[in-house]
Amino acid sequence: MQTIVAFLVAIGLLVAVHEWGHYIVARACGVKVLRFSIGFGPRLWSRVSSRSGTEFALSLIPLGGYVKMLDEREAEVDPADRHQAFNTQSLSRRSAIVAAGPLVNLVFAVFLYSLLNWQATLAAAPVLPVPVTGSQAEMGGWTGGELVLRVGTSPDALEPVQTFDEFRWRLTSAALGQSTLFVETVPGQEKTSGSPVVRPLSFEQTSTNAADASMFQRIGWVSPFSKPVLGDVAPDSRAALAGLQPNDLVISVNGSPIADASTLRTMIRSSPEKTMEWVVIRGSDRLRLSVTPALDRSGGQTIGRVGAFVGSIPEMVEVQYGFFEGMWRAVKKTGDIAWMSLTTMGQMLTGKVSLTNLNGPLAIANYAGKSAALGFVSFVGFLALVSISLGVLNLLPLPVLDGGHLMYYLWEGVTGRPVPEKWWERLQRLGIALLLVMMSVALYNDIQHILG
């Protein structure tokens, strides 16, 4: 139920923001708006404004919305009202009205990210775990425990990093952009007295299909540094049968030292039904226990599980920005995500990125529910991300979408005449067909992810 409610709230709010952009600019341009609807199909509720004459409505199908304006192409218009019709407006006004929806979505994302930046929040510090064996980080000389200070695309233009999520974002941008990221760290655990070291991570020869878990595995860092301490242990699990208890600190497995939780999780996952000798510290006692991870195929792959939460809470830092810095960071993050979205879509068209990364309503609903369960900050971040996606998607030069209409107006501005009606109808049908294909692929991906 929480997933459904979170999804409806998210979609309803973001659609309302998008359509409000069209509505407010249309009104500013003197265009009469007949209906402002959240959702499609039969109306569940409606009210006509006595001031503007606009009907505001909630409709049955919540996956979208629309603003219906007075237009001679759709119905007969009283000559006295012709100056309020959309089609009689200048090219610049029509363009502004169409562009307003997706642009307001981007502005709304900036507002949401600003809200998050202005309030004090706790986040994982950018302390690196032990790199995955054979990963780019391991080959680059990282050993784990380093505190990231600054990163940048040039060793002479490094910017401070405050959280692990911020560092991951910079990694993602560099990997997808196939560029080099320079990382300044304090080596080892000497976070206050160690000398800063700058190392390059080059992705110029690396082909990355998507910013998923496998990409971070290849880079070498999946999660922030966390001590190899056990949390909750499930009853009758392999961990419980082996005698493991919460707060046990694992110091070695099969004679190999365990530096962090990430290393321990990797060893467990790679050893299904293989007995391992663990050495743990419990209070003042040092214990040797035999642990045999159970085989798990539920996720579509064969991995080992012990039935215990592995890892302590990462080192946390409090992050809060001032008014202008918080807003500037929000603008920059919105721009970065929008550009990455466009780049990814372009790579999908050229085959560089798999179409399996295209998500549909089921995946969005799942993410909405999970983010809502994690709290206000997570849900607001989710809303901002989807708002950016909605804005970017609608700006694509695809018939039916706002970007397609802007392309029509570009043609009109260059040639001095509108797109011929026959071609307009053909392009609209083509746009609908392409959208149906995209929706079908996205829905197929959603079902595949659900089925594992």
Foldseek 3Di string as FASTA:
>chain_A
DLLVVLLLVLLQVLQLQLQVQLVVLLVVQLAQWAEWEQADDAFPDWDADPVRRYIYTYHDGRRHTHIHTAAVVVDPDDPVCVSNHLVPDDLVSNLSSLLRRLVSLLVVLLVLLLVLQADKDKAFFQFFAAFAPPALVVVQPAGGRWGWAWKDLDPVDTDGDGHNVSVLVVVQLCQLVQGKMKTWTFHHNPRPPGDIDITIRGRNVPQDQDSDQVVCNRNGGRDHFFFFFWADADPPFLCVVQPHDGRWGWQDKQPHGDGGQVVVQVVQFVFAQHWIWTWTCDPNDIDITIGHFHWDCQQVDTTGDRRIHTGDDHDMDIGHDDNVVSSVVSSVVLVSLLVSLVSSVVCCVVVSHPLLPQAASLVLSVCSSVQVVVHDSSNSNSSSNVSSVVSSVLLPCAAPGSVVVVVQSVVCVVPVHGDDPVVSVVRNVVSVVVVVVSNVSNVVSSVVSVSD
